[in-house]
Protein backbone atom coordinates (compact mmCIF):
# COMPACT_ATOMS: atom_id res chain seq x y z
CA UNK A 1 -3.10 11.00 -21.78
CA UNK A 2 -5.68 12.77 -19.62
CA UNK A 3 -4.87 15.36 -17.00
CA UNK A 4 -6.56 13.55 -14.13
CA UNK A 5 -3.32 12.80 -12.25
CA UNK A 6 -2.37 16.46 -12.24
CA UNK A 7 -5.91 17.39 -11.20
CA UNK A 8 -5.72 15.01 -8.25
CA UNK A 9 -2.38 16.50 -7.25
CA UNK A 10 -3.98 19.95 -7.25
CA UNK A 11 -6.52 18.61 -4.73
CA UNK A 12 -3.74 17.22 -2.55
CA UNK A 13 -3.84 13.58 -3.58
CA UNK A 14 -0.93 11.66 -5.11
CA UNK A 15 -1.51 8.72 -7.43
CA UNK A 16 0.94 5.83 -7.20
CA UNK A 17 1.03 2.78 -9.46
CA UNK A 18 0.37 -0.55 -7.78
CA UNK A 19 2.57 -2.52 -10.12
CA UNK A 20 6.17 -3.01 -11.14
CA UNK A 21 7.48 -4.73 -14.27
CA UNK A 22 11.04 -4.72 -15.49
CA UNK A 23 9.94 -3.95 -19.05
CA UNK A 24 8.58 -0.57 -17.89
CA UNK A 25 12.07 0.85 -17.49
CA UNK A 26 13.64 0.05 -20.85
CA UNK A 27 10.49 0.92 -22.80
CA UNK A 28 10.22 4.36 -21.23
CA UNK A 29 6.67 3.59 -20.04
CA UNK A 30 7.40 4.57 -16.43
CA UNK A 31 9.02 7.83 -17.49
CA UNK A 32 5.97 8.72 -19.57
CA UNK A 33 3.66 7.97 -16.65
CA UNK A 34 5.72 10.20 -14.36
CA UNK A 35 5.50 13.00 -16.91
CA UNK A 36 1.71 12.47 -16.92
CA UNK A 37 1.56 12.98 -13.15
CA UNK A 38 2.31 9.62 -11.55
CA UNK A 39 3.98 10.30 -8.20
CA UNK A 40 5.07 6.93 -6.80
CA UNK A 41 4.92 3.15 -7.00
CA UNK A 42 4.11 0.20 -4.77
CA UNK A 43 5.03 -3.46 -5.01
CA UNK A 44 4.01 -6.56 -3.09
CA UNK A 45 4.70 -10.32 -3.21
CA UNK A 46 1.72 -10.97 -5.49
CA UNK A 47 2.95 -8.44 -8.04
CA UNK A 48 6.45 -9.92 -8.08
CA UNK A 49 5.10 -13.49 -8.16
CA UNK A 50 3.08 -12.74 -11.30
CA UNK A 51 5.99 -10.95 -12.98
CA UNK A 52 8.55 -13.67 -12.23
CA UNK A 53 6.37 -16.74 -12.74
CA UNK A 54 4.33 -15.40 -15.64
CA UNK A 55 7.09 -14.09 -17.91
CA UNK A 56 10.71 -14.30 -18.99
CA UNK A 57 11.97 -10.81 -18.06
CA UNK A 58 13.86 -12.19 -15.09
CA UNK A 59 15.14 -15.45 -16.56
CA UNK A 60 18.57 -14.22 -17.61
CA UNK A 61 19.31 -12.78 -14.18
CA UNK A 62 17.94 -15.86 -12.40
CA UNK A 63 20.17 -18.05 -14.58
CA UNK A 64 23.20 -15.90 -13.80
CA UNK A 65 22.52 -15.76 -10.06
CA UNK A 66 21.73 -19.46 -9.85
CA UNK A 67 25.30 -20.27 -10.78
CA UNK A 68 26.49 -19.00 -7.38
CA UNK A 69 23.35 -18.60 -5.23
CA UNK A 70 21.23 -21.59 -4.21
CA UNK A 71 18.67 -19.88 -1.95
CA UNK A 72 15.60 -18.75 -3.97
CA UNK A 73 14.89 -16.12 -1.32
CA UNK A 74 18.25 -14.46 -1.89
CA UNK A 75 17.77 -14.61 -5.65
CA UNK A 76 14.39 -12.91 -5.28
CA UNK A 77 15.87 -10.14 -3.16
CA UNK A 78 18.51 -9.49 -5.79
CA UNK A 79 15.84 -9.30 -8.52
CA UNK A 80 13.57 -7.07 -6.44
CA UNK A 81 16.34 -4.74 -5.33
CA UNK A 82 17.43 -4.16 -8.93
CA UNK A 83 13.87 -3.32 -9.98
CA UNK A 84 13.18 -1.13 -6.97
CA UNK A 85 16.44 0.80 -7.48
CA UNK A 86 15.61 1.36 -11.14
CA UNK A 87 12.16 2.69 -10.22
CA UNK A 88 13.55 4.85 -7.42
CA UNK A 89 16.04 6.41 -9.81
CA UNK A 90 13.21 7.23 -12.25
CA UNK A 91 11.30 8.97 -9.44
CA UNK A 92 14.33 10.67 -7.87
CA UNK A 93 13.87 13.99 -9.69
CA UNK A 94 10.27 14.18 -8.46
CA UNK A 95 11.37 13.30 -4.94
CA UNK A 96 13.96 16.09 -4.97
CA UNK A 97 11.58 18.58 -6.58
CA UNK A 98 8.90 17.97 -3.93
CA UNK A 99 11.35 18.14 -1.06
CA UNK A 100 10.81 14.47 -0.21
CA UNK A 101 7.05 14.79 -0.44
CA UNK A 102 6.60 12.25 -3.25
CA UNK A 103 8.53 10.02 -5.60
CA UNK A 104 8.51 6.97 -3.31
CA UNK A 105 8.69 3.30 -4.25
CA UNK A 106 7.86 0.57 -1.72
CA UNK A 107 9.57 -2.76 -1.07
CA UNK A 108 7.99 -5.23 1.34
CA UNK A 109 9.70 -7.27 4.01
CA UNK A 110 8.96 -10.98 3.71
CA UNK A 111 5.28 -11.59 4.56
CA UNK A 112 6.45 -14.64 6.47
CA UNK A 113 7.61 -12.14 9.13
CA UNK A 114 4.15 -10.60 9.65
CA UNK A 115 4.03 -11.82 13.26
CA UNK A 116 7.76 -11.54 13.98
CA UNK A 117 8.58 -8.09 15.35
CA UNK A 118 12.35 -8.47 15.63
CA UNK A 119 12.66 -10.29 12.32
CA UNK A 120 10.74 -7.48 10.61
CA UNK A 121 12.97 -4.80 12.15
CA UNK A 122 16.13 -6.60 11.07
CA UNK A 123 14.78 -7.20 7.55
CA UNK A 124 13.71 -3.57 7.20
CA UNK A 125 17.16 -2.32 8.16
CA UNK A 126 18.88 -4.78 5.84
CA UNK A 127 16.70 -3.94 2.83
CA UNK A 128 17.03 -0.20 3.48
CA UNK A 129 20.82 -0.48 3.49
CA UNK A 130 20.89 -2.75 0.44
CA UNK A 131 18.71 -0.50 -1.73
CA UNK A 132 20.44 2.67 -0.49
CA UNK A 133 18.01 5.25 -1.87
CA UNK A 134 16.33 8.01 0.20
CA UNK A 135 12.98 7.68 -1.59
CA UNK A 136 12.50 4.04 -0.62
CA UNK A 137 9.67 2.99 1.69
CA UNK A 138 9.81 -0.35 3.48
CA UNK A 139 6.42 -2.06 3.64
CA UNK A 140 5.51 -3.56 7.01
CA UNK A 141 2.17 -5.31 7.68
CA UNK A 142 -0.12 -3.50 10.10
CA UNK A 143 -0.45 -6.47 12.45
CA UNK A 144 -0.12 -6.10 16.21
CA UNK A 145 3.44 -7.40 15.98
CA UNK A 146 4.06 -5.09 13.06
CA UNK A 147 3.19 -2.00 15.11
CA UNK A 148 6.26 -2.33 17.32
CA UNK A 149 8.37 -2.93 14.22
CA UNK A 150 6.97 0.23 12.60
CA UNK A 151 7.93 2.29 15.65
CA UNK A 152 11.45 0.86 15.75
CA UNK A 153 11.95 1.25 12.01
CA UNK A 154 10.83 4.88 12.00
CA UNK A 155 13.01 5.52 15.06
CA UNK A 156 15.92 4.12 13.03
CA UNK A 157 15.29 6.74 10.32
CA UNK A 158 13.68 4.44 7.75
CA UNK A 159 10.53 5.48 5.87
CA UNK A 160 7.65 3.01 6.16
CA UNK A 161 4.58 2.01 4.16
CA UNK A 162 2.22 0.27 6.59
CA UNK A 163 0.31 -2.33 4.59
CA UNK A 164 -2.76 -4.57 5.02
CA UNK A 165 -4.92 -2.16 7.02
CA UNK A 166 -8.67 -2.84 6.97
CA UNK A 167 -10.04 -1.62 10.30
CA UNK A 168 -10.21 1.77 12.01
CA UNK A 169 -8.45 0.29 15.05
CA UNK A 170 -5.70 -1.05 12.80
CA UNK A 171 -5.35 2.34 11.15
CA UNK A 172 -5.05 4.11 14.51
CA UNK A 173 -2.49 1.55 15.67
CA UNK A 174 -0.40 2.23 12.56
CA UNK A 175 -0.67 6.00 12.94
CA UNK A 176 0.29 5.90 16.61
CA UNK A 177 3.19 3.54 15.89
CA UNK A 178 4.53 6.12 13.42
CA UNK A 179 4.13 8.97 15.90
CA UNK A 180 5.83 6.94 18.62
CA UNK A 181 8.77 6.28 16.31
CA UNK A 182 9.09 10.01 15.66
CA UNK A 183 8.94 10.72 19.38
CA UNK A 184 11.75 8.27 20.02
CA UNK A 185 13.91 9.99 17.41
CA UNK A 186 13.07 13.40 18.83
CA UNK A 187 13.97 12.24 22.35
CA UNK A 188 17.31 11.02 21.02
CA UNK A 189 17.98 14.37 19.37
CA UNK A 190 17.81 12.87 15.87
CA UNK A 191 16.33 14.70 12.84
CA UNK A 192 12.71 14.12 11.79
CA UNK A 193 12.90 16.00 8.50
CA UNK A 194 12.98 13.64 5.53
CA UNK A 195 11.19 10.72 7.16
CA UNK A 196 7.96 9.68 5.46
CA UNK A 197 5.20 7.15 5.96
CA UNK A 198 1.88 6.09 4.48
CA UNK A 199 -0.84 3.90 6.00
CA UNK A 200 -2.25 1.62 3.30
CA UNK A 201 -5.96 1.08 3.82
CA UNK A 202 -7.32 -1.79 1.67
CA UNK A 203 -10.79 -1.22 0.24
CA UNK A 204 -12.41 -3.51 -2.32
CA UNK A 205 -12.31 -6.67 -0.24
CA UNK A 206 -14.19 -4.92 2.55
CA UNK A 207 -17.12 -4.42 0.18
CA UNK A 208 -16.86 -8.01 -1.03
CA UNK A 209 -17.13 -9.47 2.46
CA UNK A 210 -19.75 -7.04 3.80
CA UNK A 211 -21.86 -7.42 0.66
CA UNK A 212 -21.75 -11.21 1.05
CA UNK A 213 -22.98 -10.88 4.63
CA UNK A 214 -25.74 -8.52 3.51
CA UNK A 215 -26.78 -10.80 0.64
CA UNK A 216 -27.31 -13.69 3.07
CA UNK A 217 -29.65 -11.57 5.16
CA UNK A 218 -31.42 -10.12 2.11
CA UNK A 219 -32.00 -13.66 0.80
CA UNK A 220 -33.53 -14.52 4.18
CA UNK A 221 -36.09 -11.75 3.77
CA UNK A 222 -34.41 -8.57 5.08
CA UNK A 223 -34.83 -6.76 1.77
CA UNK A 224 -34.50 -3.36 3.47
CA UNK A 225 -30.76 -4.04 3.72
CA UNK A 226 -30.32 -3.80 -0.06
CA UNK A 227 -29.55 -0.08 0.22
CA UNK A 228 -26.49 -0.87 2.38
CA UNK A 229 -24.64 -2.78 -0.34
CA UNK A 230 -21.46 -1.26 -1.71
CA UNK A 231 -21.05 1.34 1.03
CA UNK A 232 -18.78 -0.34 3.56
CA UNK A 233 -15.33 0.22 2.03
CA UNK A 234 -15.78 3.89 1.25
CA UNK A 235 -17.37 4.38 4.66
CA UNK A 236 -14.38 2.79 6.38
CA UNK A 237 -11.98 4.93 4.36
CA UNK A 238 -13.84 8.12 5.26
CA UNK A 239 -13.80 7.17 8.94
CA UNK A 240 -10.06 6.48 8.69
CA UNK A 241 -9.52 9.90 7.09
CA UNK A 242 -11.52 11.48 9.90
CA UNK A 243 -9.18 9.82 12.40
CA UNK A 244 -6.16 10.91 10.34
CA UNK A 245 -7.16 14.55 10.65
CA UNK A 246 -7.68 14.22 14.39
CA UNK A 247 -4.35 12.48 15.03
CA UNK A 248 -2.22 14.70 12.81
CA UNK A 249 -3.68 18.00 13.95
CA UNK A 250 -3.33 17.07 17.62
CA UNK A 251 -1.08 18.92 20.03
CA UNK A 252 0.97 15.74 20.32
CA UNK A 253 1.83 15.76 16.63
CA UNK A 254 2.21 19.52 16.36
CA UNK A 255 5.28 19.27 18.64
CA UNK A 256 6.84 16.84 16.18
CA UNK A 257 5.74 18.86 13.17
CA UNK A 258 7.55 21.86 14.58
CA UNK A 259 10.73 19.79 14.39
CA UNK A 260 10.18 18.89 10.73
CA UNK A 261 7.95 15.79 10.95
CA UNK A 262 5.54 15.07 8.11
CA UNK A 263 2.13 13.47 8.72
CA UNK A 264 1.67 9.85 7.79
CA UNK A 265 -0.61 10.01 4.76
CA UNK A 266 -3.55 7.62 4.36
CA UNK A 267 -3.08 5.53 1.22
CA UNK A 268 -6.09 3.91 -0.47
CA UNK A 269 -5.11 0.43 -1.68
CA UNK A 270 -6.93 -2.46 -3.34
CA UNK A 271 -8.75 0.10 -5.46
CA UNK A 272 -9.65 -2.05 -8.46
CA UNK A 273 -13.37 -2.79 -8.43
CA UNK A 274 -14.09 -6.48 -7.80
CA UNK A 275 -17.87 -6.30 -8.31
CA UNK A 276 -18.70 -5.79 -12.02
CA UNK A 277 -21.91 -4.00 -11.03
CA UNK A 278 -19.90 -1.18 -9.42
CA UNK A 279 -18.21 1.67 -11.29
CA UNK A 280 -14.62 1.02 -12.33
CA UNK A 281 -13.46 4.16 -10.50
CA UNK A 282 -15.60 3.60 -7.40
CA UNK A 283 -12.57 3.72 -5.08
CA UNK A 284 -10.87 6.62 -6.86
CA UNK A 285 -13.36 9.38 -7.58
CA UNK A 286 -15.04 9.05 -4.17
CA UNK A 287 -11.91 9.33 -2.02
CA UNK A 288 -10.15 12.54 -3.02
CA UNK A 289 -8.74 14.54 -0.12
CA UNK A 290 -5.64 16.53 0.86
CA UNK A 291 -2.60 14.62 2.08
CA UNK A 292 -3.74 11.26 0.73
CA UNK A 293 -2.38 8.73 -1.75
CA UNK A 294 -4.28 6.36 -4.04
CA UNK A 295 -2.27 3.43 -5.36
CA UNK A 296 -3.99 1.89 -8.35
CA UNK A 297 -3.29 -1.05 -10.68
CA UNK A 298 -2.67 -0.52 -14.40
CA UNK A 299 -6.25 -1.26 -15.55
CA UNK A 300 -7.71 1.23 -13.08
CA UNK A 301 -5.08 3.79 -14.04
CA UNK A 302 -6.08 3.40 -17.69
CA UNK A 303 -9.72 3.97 -16.73
CA UNK A 304 -8.81 7.04 -14.69
CA UNK A 305 -6.87 8.59 -17.55
CA UNK A 306 -9.62 7.73 -20.02
CA UNK A 307 -12.77 8.92 -18.25
CA UNK A 308 -12.01 9.89 -14.66
CA UNK A 309 -14.02 12.83 -13.32
CA UNK A 310 -12.16 14.54 -10.49
CA UNK A 311 -13.85 16.51 -7.73
CA UNK A 312 -12.00 17.72 -4.65
CA UNK A 313 -12.84 16.76 -1.08
CA UNK A 314 -14.97 13.70 -1.82
CA UNK A 315 -13.36 11.72 1.04
CA UNK A 316 -14.80 14.28 3.45
CA UNK A 317 -18.35 14.32 2.09
CA UNK A 318 -21.48 13.07 3.89
CA UNK A 319 -19.81 12.06 7.15
CA UNK A 320 -23.19 11.97 8.96
CA UNK A 321 -24.32 9.42 6.35
CA UNK A 322 -21.16 7.38 6.93
CA UNK A 323 -21.76 7.23 10.68
CA UNK A 324 -25.43 6.36 10.08
CA UNK A 325 -24.37 3.52 7.76
CA UNK A 326 -22.06 2.12 10.43
CA UNK A 327 -24.95 2.13 12.91
CA UNK A 328 -27.30 0.49 10.38
CA UNK A 329 -24.76 -2.26 9.71
CA UNK A 330 -24.38 -2.96 13.42
CA UNK A 331 -28.16 -2.99 13.87
CA UNK A 332 -28.37 -5.56 11.08
CA UNK A 333 -26.13 -7.83 13.12
CA UNK A 334 -23.07 -7.46 10.90
CA UNK A 335 -19.81 -6.76 12.71
CA UNK A 336 -17.44 -4.71 10.59
CA UNK A 337 -14.77 -5.28 13.25
CA UNK A 338 -15.06 -9.05 12.92
CA UNK A 339 -14.98 -8.85 9.12
CA UNK A 340 -11.93 -6.58 8.99
CA UNK A 341 -10.10 -8.76 11.53
CA UNK A 342 -10.68 -11.77 9.27
CA UNK A 343 -9.52 -9.77 6.26
CA UNK A 344 -6.24 -8.92 7.99
CA UNK A 345 -5.57 -12.58 8.70
CA UNK A 346 -6.54 -13.54 5.15
CA UNK A 347 -4.38 -10.75 3.68
CA UNK A 348 -1.29 -11.93 5.53
CA UNK A 349 -1.94 -15.51 4.39
CA UNK A 350 -2.50 -14.42 0.79
CA UNK A 351 0.75 -12.47 0.60
CA UNK A 352 2.62 -15.34 2.27
CA UNK A 353 1.17 -17.78 -0.27
CA UNK A 354 2.22 -15.51 -3.15
CA UNK A 355 5.70 -15.26 -1.66
CA UNK A 356 5.96 -19.06 -1.40
CA UNK A 357 4.69 -19.48 -4.96
CA UNK A 358 7.24 -16.97 -6.19
CA UNK A 359 10.09 -18.81 -4.46
CA UNK A 360 8.82 -22.08 -5.96
CA UNK A 361 8.79 -20.49 -9.42
CA UNK A 362 12.38 -19.31 -8.96
CA UNK A 363 13.42 -22.77 -7.75
CA UNK A 364 11.79 -24.37 -10.81
CA UNK A 365 13.70 -22.05 -13.12
CA UNK A 366 16.93 -22.75 -11.22
CA UNK A 367 16.48 -26.47 -11.85
CA UNK A 368 15.68 -25.91 -15.52
CA UNK A 369 18.78 -23.79 -16.06
CA UNK A 370 20.93 -26.31 -14.17
CA UNK A 371 19.58 -29.15 -16.31
CA UNK A 372 20.30 -27.22 -19.48
CA UNK A 373 23.94 -26.78 -18.44
CA UNK A 374 24.27 -30.45 -17.52
C-alpha cells in the first residue's frame, strides 16, 4: 500500500473510512488498513442498509435474535452495536497511543429523530452506555433541533460527530453547540479532557446541485458562467475551515482549551466524486489542513493509496479566489444558502429512507426465518 495516509497525518489530517462491513474484522482487512495509516471509521444508515440488505453476513444473528426479539429496530441496534464495538476495539490501541486524538468510530442515532431534540439526547445517552467504549462518537444531524441535542450530549460527556452539514451557517451552529456543551461542563466543574467532536461537512452533492443551477443558466446563454463549475463544494469547505480557525482560536475557546478541551475538527464527508469529468481525488487532495479529518469510501481510499499526491495546506490556499467565487455565484443569481438548505432537508430524508429500507429488509428476513422454522 502507498504511504499517503501517513503523509496526510504528517500534515495534520486524519483519514477515516466511510464504511463498515462485518467481514472486515475476521479477514484482518481493517487491521491492515490501520497499519497503513487509517485513523478512524464512520457509519450511517445507508452503509448499514446496504450491508444488511445486500448480503448474508448478518443473517445468522438476525435469525438468532428474531427468536426472541420482534422489533426490527432493536434487532438493528444489536447488529450495529456488535459491529461498532468490534471496530472500536480494533482502533483502541491507536486511540490510546494518540491520547484520545484519533481511533474513533461513529454510530448514528436514528435519522427519524433529526427534528426531535429530546429524543436525540435520550438515544445518544442510551447508545453511548450500550456500546461502552471511550472512542465511540455518536452521530447527530446538524439540524436546528440537533444543535441543542449536541450541546446537551457534549455536556453529558459524550463525544459527538455532527453530521449532514452543508452550509457555513450550519457549520457555525454545530461548532457553537459543541463549545456551549463544553462551557456547561466547565461551569459544573466536570472534566473536559477526553471529549472529542467532529463537524462533518458534506461536499460532492454541493457541486452537483450548484453545477445543475449553473448549467441551466449556461444553456440559456450565460456561457461566462462555465468557469464557475466544480468550485462550489471546495469553496464551501475552505470557508468552513476559515471559520473553524476563527472559532477555535478565539478567547472564548482558549479558556476551555486551558482546561483540557480539544477543538472540534472539521470532517470532509461525501468525498467520492459524483461527476465523472472531475478527478477521483477532487475532494481529498484539495482539502488538506491541520486538525481536519477526511472520511472516504473504499473506492476513493483505493484511489488515494494508488495515485494520491499529497501537498500540505491545500484547504487554506487561494482564499481570495474562494471569496470572489462566492460573490460571482451570488451575482449570477444562484443562492448557495438556498441550495445548502435544500440539501440538508434532502439529506435527512435520504438517511431516514435508508433506515426504513433497512428495517424492512430485517423484517423480511425475520419472516423468512420464521417460515423456515414453521
